[in-house]
PDB file of N, CA and C in Angstrom:
ATOM      1  N   ILE A   1      43.665 119.676  46.885  1.00  0.00           N
ATOM      2  CA  ILE A   1      43.462 120.466  48.089  1.00  0.00           C
ATOM      3  C   ILE A   1      41.977 120.400  48.445  1.00  0.00           C
ATOM      4  N   SER A   2      41.706 120.048  49.687  1.00  0.00           N
ATOM      5  CA  SER A   2      40.309 119.864  50.079  1.00  0.00           C
ATOM      6  C   SER A   2      39.678 121.083  50.744  1.00  0.00           C
ATOM      7  N   VAL A   3      40.482 121.922  51.377  1.00  0.00           N
ATOM      8  CA  VAL A   3      39.924 123.067  52.098  1.00  0.00           C
ATOM      9  C   VAL A   3      40.702 124.334  51.750  1.00  0.00           C
ATOM     10  N   LEU A   4      39.969 125.377  51.400  1.00  0.00           N
ATOM     11  CA  LEU A   4      40.574 126.680  51.125  1.00  0.00           C
ATOM     12  C   LEU A   4      39.871 127.728  51.987  1.00  0.00           C
ATOM     13  N   HIS A   5      40.582 128.289  52.954  1.00  0.00           N
ATOM     14  CA  HIS A   5      40.042 129.360  53.786  1.00  0.00           C
ATOM     15  C   HIS A   5      40.573 130.689  53.275  1.00  0.00           C
ATOM     16  N   ILE A   6      39.759 131.713  53.392  1.00  0.00           N
ATOM     17  CA  ILE A   6      40.184 133.062  53.041  1.00  0.00           C
ATOM     18  C   ILE A   6      40.172 133.895  54.316  1.00  0.00           C
ATOM     19  N   THR A   7      41.294 134.499  54.624  1.00  0.00           N
ATOM     20  CA  THR A   7      41.435 135.317  55.821  1.00  0.00           C
ATOM     21  C   THR A   7      42.056 136.648  55.434  1.00  0.00           C
ATOM     22  N   ALA A   8      41.536 137.717  56.008  1.00  0.00           N
ATOM     23  CA  ALA A   8      42.087 139.047  55.735  1.00  0.00           C
ATOM     24  C   ALA A   8      43.439 139.197  56.417  1.00  0.00           C
ATOM     25  N   HIS A   9      44.360 139.852  55.729  1.00  0.00           N
ATOM     26  CA  HIS A   9      45.691 140.138  56.277  1.00  0.00           C
ATOM     27  C   HIS A   9      46.010 141.601  56.044  1.00  0.00           C
ATOM     28  N   PRO A  10      46.047 142.434  57.046  1.00  0.00           N
ATOM     29  CA  PRO A  10      45.745 142.183  58.454  1.00  0.00           C
ATOM     30  C   PRO A  10      44.239 142.169  58.678  1.00  0.00           C
ATOM     31  N   LEU A  11      43.807 141.610  59.806  1.00  0.00           N
ATOM     32  CA  LEU A  11      42.382 141.578  60.114  1.00  0.00           C
ATOM     33  C   LEU A  11      41.867 142.998  60.336  1.00  0.00           C
ATOM     34  N   PRO A  12      40.774 143.368  59.671  1.00  0.00           N
ATOM     35  CA  PRO A  12      40.239 144.719  59.867  1.00  0.00           C
ATOM     36  C   PRO A  12      39.506 144.823  61.206  1.00  0.00           C
ATOM     37  N   THR A  13      39.489 146.009  61.763  1.00  0.00           N
ATOM     38  CA  THR A  13      38.722 146.274  62.980  1.00  0.00           C
ATOM     39  C   THR A  13      37.403 146.927  62.581  1.00  0.00           C
ATOM     40  N   TYR A  14      36.476 147.030  63.527  1.00  0.00           N
ATOM     41  CA  TYR A  14      35.231 147.738  63.235  1.00  0.00           C
ATOM     42  C   TYR A  14      35.517 149.188  62.863  1.00  0.00           C
ATOM     43  N   ASN A  15      36.484 149.796  63.525  1.00  0.00           N
ATOM     44  CA  ASN A  15      36.846 151.173  63.170  1.00  0.00           C
ATOM     45  C   ASN A  15      37.345 151.246  61.734  1.00  0.00           C
ATOM     46  N   ASP A  16      38.113 150.259  61.293  1.00  0.00           N
ATOM     47  CA  ASP A  16      38.586 150.231  59.903  1.00  0.00           C
ATOM     48  C   ASP A  16      37.410 150.164  58.929  1.00  0.00           C
ATOM     49  N   LEU A  17      36.413 149.370  59.273  1.00  0.00           N
ATOM     50  CA  LEU A  17      35.279 149.176  58.377  1.00  0.00           C
ATOM     51  C   LEU A  17      34.298 150.343  58.395  1.00  0.00           C
ATOM     52  N   LEU A  18      34.163 150.997  59.542  1.00  0.00           N
ATOM     53  CA  LEU A  18      33.150 152.040  59.670  1.00  0.00           C
ATOM     54  C   LEU A  18      33.680 153.458  59.496  1.00  0.00           C
ATOM     55  N   ALA A  19      34.985 153.654  59.572  1.00  0.00           N
ATOM     56  CA  ALA A  19      35.561 154.995  59.419  1.00  0.00           C
ATOM     57  C   ALA A  19      35.186 155.650  58.084  1.00  0.00           C
ATOM     58  N   PRO A  20      35.072 154.905  56.982  1.00  0.00           N
ATOM     59  CA  PRO A  20      34.710 155.546  55.712  1.00  0.00           C
ATOM     60  C   PRO A  20      33.287 156.098  55.664  1.00  0.00           C
ATOM     61  N   LEU A  21      32.465 155.872  56.676  1.00  0.00           N
ATOM     62  CA  LEU A  21      31.107 156.413  56.661  1.00  0.00           C
ATOM     63  C   LEU A  21      31.094 157.944  56.663  1.00  0.00           C
ATOM     64  N   ALA A  22      31.972 158.558  57.444  1.00  0.00           N
ATOM     65  CA  ALA A  22      31.973 160.021  57.593  1.00  0.00           C
ATOM     66  C   ALA A  22      32.166 160.761  56.268  1.00  0.00           C
ATOM     67  N   PRO A  23      33.139 160.396  55.429  1.00  0.00           N
ATOM     68  CA  PRO A  23      33.304 161.119  54.157  1.00  0.00           C
ATOM     69  C   PRO A  23      32.098 160.999  53.223  1.00  0.00           C
ATOM     70  N   TYR A  24      31.225 160.025  53.470  1.00  0.00           N
ATOM     71  CA  TYR A  24      30.043 159.852  52.629  1.00  0.00           C
ATOM     72  C   TYR A  24      28.804 160.495  53.244  1.00  0.00           C
ATOM     73  N   GLY A  25      29.022 161.381  54.223  1.00  0.00           N
ATOM     74  CA  GLY A  25      27.917 162.158  54.755  1.00  0.00           C
ATOM     75  C   GLY A  25      27.245 161.592  55.989  1.00  0.00           C
ATOM     76  N   PHE A  26      27.705 160.468  56.490  1.00  0.00           N
ATOM     77  CA  PHE A  26      27.129 159.912  57.705  1.00  0.00           C
ATOM     78  C   PHE A  26      27.814 160.563  58.905  1.00  0.00           C
ATOM     79  N   GLY A  27      27.031 161.028  59.862  1.00  0.00           N
ATOM     80  CA  GLY A  27      27.577 161.728  61.024  1.00  0.00           C
ATOM     81  C   GLY A  27      28.197 160.782  62.027  1.00  0.00           C
ATOM     82  N   THR A  28      29.336 160.247  61.698  1.00  0.00           N
ATOM     83  CA  THR A  28      29.998 159.293  62.583  1.00  0.00           C
ATOM     84  C   THR A  28      31.379 159.800  62.978  1.00  0.00           C
ATOM     85  N   THR A  29      31.814 159.347  64.130  1.00  0.00           N
ATOM     86  CA  THR A  29      33.184 159.588  64.566  1.00  0.00           C
ATOM     87  C   THR A  29      33.743 158.272  65.081  1.00  0.00           C
ATOM     88  N   THR A  30      35.031 158.140  65.028  1.00  0.00           N
ATOM     89  CA  THR A  30      35.690 156.931  65.502  1.00  0.00           C
ATOM     90  C   THR A  30      35.939 157.053  66.999  1.00  0.00           C
ATOM     91  N   CYS A  31      35.637 155.984  67.731  1.00  0.00           N
ATOM     92  CA  CYS A  31      35.902 155.969  69.169  1.00  0.00           C
ATOM     93  C   CYS A  31      36.141 154.524  69.600  1.00  0.00           C
ATOM     94  N   GLU A  32      36.596 154.367  70.796  1.00  0.00           N
ATOM     95  CA  GLU A  32      36.832 153.031  71.340  1.00  0.00           C
ATOM     96  C   GLU A  32      35.497 152.365  71.666  1.00  0.00           C
ATOM     97  N   TYR A  33      35.505 151.041  71.706  1.00  0.00           N
ATOM     98  CA  TYR A  33      34.287 150.275  71.943  1.00  0.00           C
ATOM     99  C   TYR A  33      33.598 150.670  73.245  1.00  0.00           C
ATOM    100  N   VAL A  34      34.351 150.813  74.327  1.00  0.00           N
ATOM    101  CA  VAL A  34      33.753 151.123  75.631  1.00  0.00           C
ATOM    102  C   VAL A  34      33.018 152.463  75.582  1.00  0.00           C
ATOM    103  N   VAL A  35      33.579 153.446  74.898  1.00  0.00           N
ATOM    104  CA  VAL A  35      32.933 154.754  74.756  1.00  0.00           C
ATOM    105  C   VAL A  35      31.657 154.608  73.934  1.00  0.00           C
ATOM    106  N   TRP A  36      31.729 153.888  72.820  1.00  0.00           N
ATOM    107  CA  TRP A  36      30.562 153.669  71.959  1.00  0.00           C
ATOM    108  C   TRP A  36      29.463 152.955  72.725  1.00  0.00           C
ATOM    109  N   ARG A  37      29.824 151.915  73.467  1.00  0.00           N
ATOM    110  CA  ARG A  37      28.847 151.144  74.235  1.00  0.00           C
ATOM    111  C   ARG A  37      28.149 152.031  75.263  1.00  0.00           C
ATOM    112  N   ARG A  38      28.911 152.860  75.962  1.00  0.00           N
ATOM    113  CA  ARG A  38      28.329 153.742  76.974  1.00  0.00           C
ATOM    114  C   ARG A  38      27.364 154.736  76.322  1.00  0.00           C
ATOM    115  N   ARG A  39      27.759 155.309  75.183  1.00  0.00           N
ATOM    116  CA  ARG A  39      26.889 156.262  74.480  1.00  0.00           C
ATOM    117  C   ARG A  39      25.619 155.585  73.969  1.00  0.00           C
ATOM    118  N   LEU A  40      25.771 154.399  73.403  1.00  0.00           N
ATOM    119  CA  LEU A  40      24.606 153.676  72.902  1.00  0.00           C
ATOM    120  C   LEU A  40      23.663 153.324  74.041  1.00  0.00           C
ATOM    121  N   GLU A  41      24.197 152.818  75.131  1.00  0.00           N
ATOM    122  CA  GLU A  41      23.370 152.454  76.283  1.00  0.00           C
ATOM    123  C   GLU A  41      22.612 153.678  76.799  1.00  0.00           C
ATOM    124  N   GLN A  42      23.303 154.797  76.919  1.00  0.00           N
ATOM    125  CA  GLN A  42      22.664 156.023  77.397  1.00  0.00           C
ATOM    126  C   GLN A  42      21.552 156.453  76.443  1.00  0.00           C
ATOM    127  N   HIS A  43      21.830 156.445  75.146  1.00  0.00           N
ATOM    128  CA  HIS A  43      20.835 156.852  74.154  1.00  0.00           C
ATOM    129  C   HIS A  43      19.609 155.943  74.187  1.00  0.00           C
ATOM    130  N   VAL A  44      19.834 154.644  74.206  1.00  0.00           N
ATOM    131  CA  VAL A  44      18.722 153.694  74.173  1.00  0.00           C
ATOM    132  C   VAL A  44      17.889 153.793  75.447  1.00  0.00           C
ATOM    133  N   MET A  45      18.538 153.940  76.585  1.00  0.00           N
ATOM    134  CA  MET A  45      17.798 154.035  77.838  1.00  0.00           C
ATOM    135  C   MET A  45      16.992 155.337  77.919  1.00  0.00           C
ATOM    136  N   GLU A  46      17.508 156.399  77.325  1.00  0.00           N
ATOM    137  CA  GLU A  46      16.793 157.674  77.353  1.00  0.00           C
ATOM    138  C   GLU A  46      15.626 157.690  76.379  1.00  0.00           C
ATOM    139  N   THR A  47      15.811 157.142  75.194  1.00  0.00           N
ATOM    140  CA  THR A  47      14.772 157.231  74.166  1.00  0.00           C
ATOM    141  C   THR A  47      13.993 155.937  73.988  1.00  0.00           C
ATOM    142  N   GLN A  48      14.617 154.823  74.207  1.00  0.00           N
ATOM    143  CA  GLN A  48      14.060 153.490  73.947  1.00  0.00           C
ATOM    144  C   GLN A  48      13.477 153.407  72.537  1.00  0.00           C
ATOM    145  N   ASP A  49      13.989 154.221  71.643  1.00  0.00           N
ATOM    146  CA  ASP A  49      13.543 154.231  70.260  1.00  0.00           C
ATOM    147  C   ASP A  49      14.764 154.073  69.363  1.00  0.00           C
ATOM    148  N   ASN A  50      15.314 152.877  69.381  1.00  0.00           N
ATOM    149  CA  ASN A  50      16.507 152.599  68.597  1.00  0.00           C
ATOM    150  C   ASN A  50      16.383 151.173  68.085  1.00  0.00           C
ATOM    151  N   ALA A  51      16.720 150.978  66.831  1.00  0.00           N
ATOM    152  CA  ALA A  51      16.615 149.642  66.243  1.00  0.00           C
ATOM    153  C   ALA A  51      17.475 148.623  66.978  1.00  0.00           C
ATOM    154  N   LEU A  52      18.503 149.094  67.676  1.00  0.00           N
ATOM    155  CA  LEU A  52      19.382 148.181  68.407  1.00  0.00           C
ATOM    156  C   LEU A  52      18.857 147.818  69.794  1.00  0.00           C
ATOM    157  N   PHE A  53      17.739 148.410  70.228  1.00  0.00           N
ATOM    158  CA  PHE A  53      17.254 148.162  71.588  1.00  0.00           C
ATOM    159  C   PHE A  53      17.110 146.672  71.898  1.00  0.00           C
ATOM    160  N   PRO A  54      16.499 145.861  71.012  1.00  0.00           N
ATOM    161  CA  PRO A  54      16.378 144.431  71.331  1.00  0.00           C
ATOM    162  C   PRO A  54      17.725 143.711  71.430  1.00  0.00           C
ATOM    163  N   LEU A  55      18.763 144.287  70.865  1.00  0.00           N
ATOM    164  CA  LEU A  55      20.084 143.658  70.880  1.00  0.00           C
ATOM    165  C   LEU A  55      21.008 144.260  71.927  1.00  0.00           C
ATOM    166  N   LEU A  56      20.490 145.156  72.739  1.00  0.00           N
ATOM    167  CA  LEU A  56      21.327 145.868  73.698  1.00  0.00           C
ATOM    168  C   LEU A  56      22.049 144.920  74.642  1.00  0.00           C
ATOM    169  N   HIS A  57      21.403 143.816  75.019  1.00  0.00           N
ATOM    170  CA  HIS A  57      22.054 142.882  75.948  1.00  0.00           C
ATOM    171  C   HIS A  57      23.331 142.289  75.354  1.00  0.00           C
ATOM    172  N   PHE A  58      23.404 142.135  74.036  1.00  0.00           N
ATOM    173  CA  PHE A  58      24.649 141.663  73.417  1.00  0.00           C
ATOM    174  C   PHE A  58      25.755 142.698  73.574  1.00  0.00           C
ATOM    175  N   VAL A  59      25.391 143.959  73.399  1.00  0.00           N
ATOM    176  CA  VAL A  59      26.356 145.047  73.430  1.00  0.00           C
ATOM    177  C   VAL A  59      26.885 145.278  74.840  1.00  0.00           C
ATOM    178  N   LEU A  60      26.046 145.069  75.841  1.00  0.00           N
ATOM    179  CA  LEU A  60      26.461 145.326  77.214  1.00  0.00           C
ATOM    180  C   LEU A  60      27.506 144.328  77.690  1.00  0.00           C
ATOM    181  N   ASP A  61      27.541 143.162  77.079  1.00  0.00           N
ATOM    182  CA  ASP A  61      28.646 142.241  77.342  1.00  0.00           C
ATOM    183  C   ASP A  61      29.876 142.802  76.629  1.00  0.00           C
ATOM    184  N   ASP A  62      30.987 142.158  76.802  1.00  0.00           N
ATOM    185  CA  ASP A  62      32.206 142.604  76.119  1.00  0.00           C
ATOM    186  C   ASP A  62      32.174 142.061  74.697  1.00  0.00           C
ATOM    187  N   LEU A  63      31.477 142.753  73.831  1.00  0.00           N
ATOM    188  CA  LEU A  63      31.242 142.300  72.462  1.00  0.00           C
ATOM    189  C   LEU A  63      32.516 141.947  71.697  1.00  0.00           C
ATOM    190  N   PRO A  64      33.561 142.779  71.731  1.00  0.00           N
ATOM    191  CA  PRO A  64      34.765 142.410  70.975  1.00  0.00           C
ATOM    192  C   PRO A  64      35.389 141.094  71.432  1.00  0.00           C
ATOM    193  N   THR A  65      35.311 140.803  72.708  1.00  0.00           N
ATOM    194  CA  THR A  65      35.886 139.554  73.213  1.00  0.00           C
ATOM    195  C   THR A  65      34.957 138.378  72.966  1.00  0.00           C
ATOM    196  N   SER A  66      33.660 138.584  73.169  1.00  0.00           N
ATOM    197  CA  SER A  66      32.713 137.476  73.060  1.00  0.00           C
ATOM    198  C   SER A  66      32.420 137.083  71.620  1.00  0.00           C
ATOM    199  N   THR A  67      32.797 137.903  70.652  1.00  0.00           N
ATOM    200  CA  THR A  67      32.517 137.569  69.253  1.00  0.00           C
ATOM    201  C   THR A  67      33.761 137.162  68.473  1.00  0.00           C
ATOM    202  N   LYS A  68      34.839 136.903  69.160  1.00  0.00           N
ATOM    203  CA  LYS A  68      36.057 136.480  68.458  1.00  0.00           C
ATOM    204  C   LYS A  68      35.882 135.050  67.949  1.00  0.00           C
ATOM    205  N   SER A  69      36.372 134.824  66.777  1.00  0.00           N
ATOM    206  CA  SER A  69      36.317 133.489  66.194  1.00  0.00           C
ATOM    207  C   SER A  69      37.739 132.943  66.090  1.00  0.00           C
ATOM    208  N   PRO A  70      37.848 131.638  65.966  1.00  0.00           N
ATOM    209  CA  PRO A  70      39.193 131.069  65.842  1.00  0.00           C
ATOM    210  C   PRO A  70      39.849 131.495  64.529  1.00  0.00           C
ATOM    211  N   ALA A  71      41.145 131.609  64.563  1.00  0.00           N
ATOM    212  CA  ALA A  71      41.889 131.957  63.349  1.00  0.00           C
ATOM    213  C   ALA A  71      41.846 130.785  62.377  1.00  0.00           C
ATOM    214  N   LEU A  72      41.614 131.078  61.122  1.00  0.00           N
ATOM    215  CA  LEU A  72      41.587 130.045  60.096  1.00  0.00           C
ATOM    216  C   LEU A  72      42.964 129.926  59.457  1.00  0.00           C
ATOM    217  N   ASP A  73      43.331 128.715  59.139  1.00  0.00           N
ATOM    218  CA  ASP A  73      44.601 128.462  58.459  1.00  0.00           C
ATOM    219  C   ASP A  73      44.374 128.617  56.958  1.00  0.00           C
ATOM    220  N   ASP A  74      44.930 129.664  56.395  1.00  0.00           N
ATOM    221  CA  ASP A  74      44.741 129.912  54.964  1.00  0.00           C
ATOM    222  C   ASP A  74      45.957 129.506  54.132  1.00  0.00           C
ATOM    223  N   ALA A  75      46.767 128.590  54.661  1.00  0.00           N
ATOM    224  CA  ALA A  75      47.984 128.158  53.960  1.00  0.00           C
ATOM    225  C   ALA A  75      47.663 127.552  52.592  1.00  0.00           C
ATOM    226  N   ASN A  76      46.586 126.772  52.489  1.00  0.00           N
ATOM    227  CA  ASN A  76      46.230 126.172  51.199  1.00  0.00           C
ATOM    228  C   ASN A  76      45.864 127.248  50.178  1.00  0.00           C
ATOM    229  N   THR A  77      45.102 128.226  50.608  1.00  0.00           N
ATOM    230  CA  THR A  77      44.721 129.315  49.706  1.00  0.00           C
ATOM    231  C   THR A  77      45.950 130.084  49.250  1.00  0.00           C
ATOM    232  N   ARG A  78      46.841 130.370  50.190  1.00  0.00           N
ATOM    233  CA  ARG A  78      48.069 131.096  49.844  1.00  0.00           C
ATOM    234  C   ARG A  78      48.904 130.294  48.840  1.00  0.00           C
ATOM    235  N   ALA A  79      48.963 128.984  49.029  1.00  0.00           N
ATOM    236  CA  ALA A  79      49.727 128.135  48.108  1.00  0.00           C
ATOM    237  C   ALA A  79      49.134 128.187  46.701  1.00  0.00           C
ATOM    238  N   VAL A  80      47.812 128.158  46.609  1.00  0.00           N
ATOM    239  CA  VAL A  80      47.155 128.242  45.302  1.00  0.00           C
ATOM    240  C   VAL A  80      47.450 129.594  44.655  1.00  0.00           C
ATOM    241  N   LEU A  81      47.398 130.669  45.442  1.00  0.00           N
ATOM    242  CA  LEU A  81      47.670 132.000  44.896  1.00  0.00           C
ATOM    243  C   LEU A  81      49.111 132.131  44.423  1.00  0.00           C
ATOM    244  N   VAL A  82      50.041 131.592  45.197  1.00  0.00           N
ATOM    245  CA  VAL A  82      51.452 131.614  44.784  1.00  0.00           C
ATOM    246  C   VAL A  82      51.609 130.831  43.488  1.00  0.00           C
ATOM    247  N   GLY A  83      50.990 129.654  43.424  1.00  0.00           N
ATOM    248  CA  GLY A  83      51.058 128.825  42.223  1.00  0.00           C
ATOM    249  C   GLY A  83      50.449 129.497  41.004  1.00  0.00           C
ATOM    250  N   ALA A  84      49.471 130.370  41.238  1.00  0.00           N
ATOM    251  CA  ALA A  84      48.822 131.087  40.140  1.00  0.00           C
ATOM    252  C   ALA A  84      49.576 132.356  39.762  1.00  0.00           C
ATOM    253  N   GLY A  85      50.664 132.637  40.486  1.00  0.00           N
ATOM    254  CA  GLY A  85      51.475 133.803  40.164  1.00  0.00           C
ATOM    255  C   GLY A  85      50.962 135.116  40.730  1.00  0.00           C
ATOM    256  N   VAL A  86      50.086 135.037  41.712  1.00  0.00           N
ATOM    257  CA  VAL A  86      49.576 136.264  42.332  1.00  0.00           C
ATOM    258  C   VAL A  86      50.681 136.865  43.189  1.00  0.00           C
ATOM    259  N   GLU A  87      50.939 138.146  42.999  1.00  0.00           N
ATOM    260  CA  GLU A  87      52.012 138.844  43.713  1.00  0.00           C
ATOM    261  C   GLU A  87      51.714 138.929  45.206  1.00  0.00           C
ATOM    262  N   ALA A  88      52.770 139.003  46.016  1.00  0.00           N
ATOM    263  CA  ALA A  88      52.631 139.045  47.473  1.00  0.00           C
ATOM    264  C   ALA A  88      51.754 140.206  47.935  1.00  0.00           C
ATOM    265  N   GLY A  89      51.898 141.374  47.338  1.00  0.00           N
ATOM    266  CA  GLY A  89      51.095 142.529  47.736  1.00  0.00           C
ATOM    267  C   GLY A  89      49.611 142.325  47.510  1.00  0.00           C
ATOM    268  N   GLU A  90      49.268 141.562  46.487  1.00  0.00           N
ATOM    269  CA  GLU A  90      47.867 141.267  46.215  1.00  0.00           C
ATOM    270  C   GLU A  90      47.331 140.183  47.144  1.00  0.00           C
ATOM    271  N   ARG A  91      48.209 139.300  47.601  1.00  0.00           N
ATOM    272  CA  ARG A  91      47.790 138.235  48.522  1.00  0.00           C
ATOM    273  C   ARG A  91      47.575 138.768  49.926  1.00  0.00           C
ATOM    274  N   ASP A  92      48.363 139.745  50.321  1.00  0.00           N
ATOM    275  CA  ASP A  92      48.306 140.274  51.679  1.00  0.00           C
ATOM    276  C   ASP A  92      47.575 141.605  51.702  1.00  0.00           C
ATOM    277  N   SER A  93      46.309 141.553  51.406  1.00  0.00           N
ATOM    278  CA  SER A  93      45.511 142.774  51.450  1.00  0.00           C
ATOM    279  C   SER A  93      44.223 142.487  52.201  1.00  0.00           C
ATOM    280  N   THR A  94      43.581 143.534  52.620  1.00  0.00           N
ATOM    281  CA  THR A  94      42.351 143.381  53.387  1.00  0.00           C
ATOM    282  C   THR A  94      41.355 144.438  52.941  1.00  0.00           C
ATOM    283  N   VAL A  95      40.189 144.387  53.504  1.00  0.00           N
ATOM    284  CA  VAL A  95      39.182 145.390  53.208  1.00  0.00           C
ATOM    285  C   VAL A  95      39.656 146.709  53.791  1.00  0.00           C
ATOM    286  N   GLY A  96      39.736 147.720  52.963  1.00  0.00           N
ATOM    287  CA  GLY A  96      40.203 149.028  53.422  1.00  0.00           C
ATOM    288  C   GLY A  96      39.178 150.110  53.158  1.00  0.00           C
ATOM    289  N   ALA A  97      39.545 151.327  53.484  1.00  0.00           N
ATOM    290  CA  ALA A  97      38.639 152.464  53.339  1.00  0.00           C
ATOM    291  C   ALA A  97      38.171 152.637  51.898  1.00  0.00           C
ATOM    292  N   GLU A  98      39.061 152.418  50.944  1.00  0.00           N
ATOM    293  CA  GLU A  98      38.683 152.602  49.538  1.00  0.00           C
ATOM    294  C   GLU A  98      37.593 151.614  49.115  1.00  0.00           C
ATOM    295  N   LEU A  99      37.754 150.341  49.476  1.00  0.00           N
ATOM    296  CA  LEU A  99      36.761 149.337  49.095  1.00  0.00           C
ATOM    297  C   LEU A  99      35.439 149.565  49.822  1.00  0.00           C
ATOM    298  N   VAL A 100      35.488 149.870  51.106  1.00  0.00           N
ATOM    299  CA  VAL A 100      34.261 150.167  51.847  1.00  0.00           C
ATOM    300  C   VAL A 100      33.577 151.382  51.226  1.00  0.00           C
ATOM    301  N   GLY A 101      34.356 152.373  50.830  1.00  0.00           N
ATOM    302  CA  GLY A 101      33.799 153.544  50.162  1.00  0.00           C
ATOM    303  C   GLY A 101      33.084 153.188  48.871  1.00  0.00           C
ATOM    304  N   ARG A 102      33.648 152.277  48.107  1.00  0.00           N
ATOM    305  CA  ARG A 102      32.988 151.828  46.865  1.00  0.00           C
ATOM    306  C   ARG A 102      31.658 151.154  47.170  1.00  0.00           C
ATOM    307  N   TYR A 103      31.647 150.308  48.201  1.00  0.00           N
ATOM    308  CA  TYR A 103      30.398 149.645  48.592  1.00  0.00           C
ATOM    309  C   TYR A 103      29.357 150.671  49.017  1.00  0.00           C
ATOM    310  N   LEU A 104      29.774 151.657  49.817  1.00  0.00           N
ATOM    311  CA  LEU A 104      28.845 152.692  50.266  1.00  0.00           C
ATOM    312  C   LEU A 104      28.316 153.502  49.091  1.00  0.00           C
ATOM    313  N   ALA A 105      29.192 153.861  48.166  1.00  0.00           N
ATOM    314  CA  ALA A 105      28.771 154.634  46.998  1.00  0.00           C
ATOM    315  C   ALA A 105      27.738 153.862  46.186  1.00  0.00           C
ATOM    316  N   TRP A 106      27.879 152.559  46.121  1.00  0.00           N
ATOM    317  CA  TRP A 106      26.932 151.741  45.375  1.00  0.00           C
ATOM    318  C   TRP A 106      25.599 151.655  46.117  1.00  0.00           C
ATOM    319  N   LEU A 107      25.645 151.586  47.450  1.00  0.00           N
ATOM    320  CA  LEU A 107      24.427 151.439  48.241  1.00  0.00           C
ATOM    321  C   LEU A 107      23.615 152.725  48.352  1.00  0.00           C
ATOM    322  N   VAL A 108      24.305 153.845  48.327  1.00  0.00           N
ATOM    323  CA  VAL A 108      23.607 155.119  48.583  1.00  0.00           C
ATOM    324  C   VAL A 108      23.125 155.726  47.289  1.00  0.00           C
TER     325      VAL A 108
END
């Protein structure tokens, strides 16, 4: 086998990845991208003191659409995992709140 791609199943969203911030003391709430973009734009324009200010032009575009990447074919990886006896539940998993929480606990 010459190529092995790894793809999350199901693909996580930004909300999936960032939702665990709140239980670890970060003052965050989950919202849709358009709401977040509007709030960020308003904050940056009012204060102009935000680390994201130089990147604001990226955010003002439709970031979720403009940053999509092509789907990778992970059939070879799945075949190797099946051959190694990895159970289906272990093959079809993605980054979840528990794993993100572990990463945050290690970083903080």
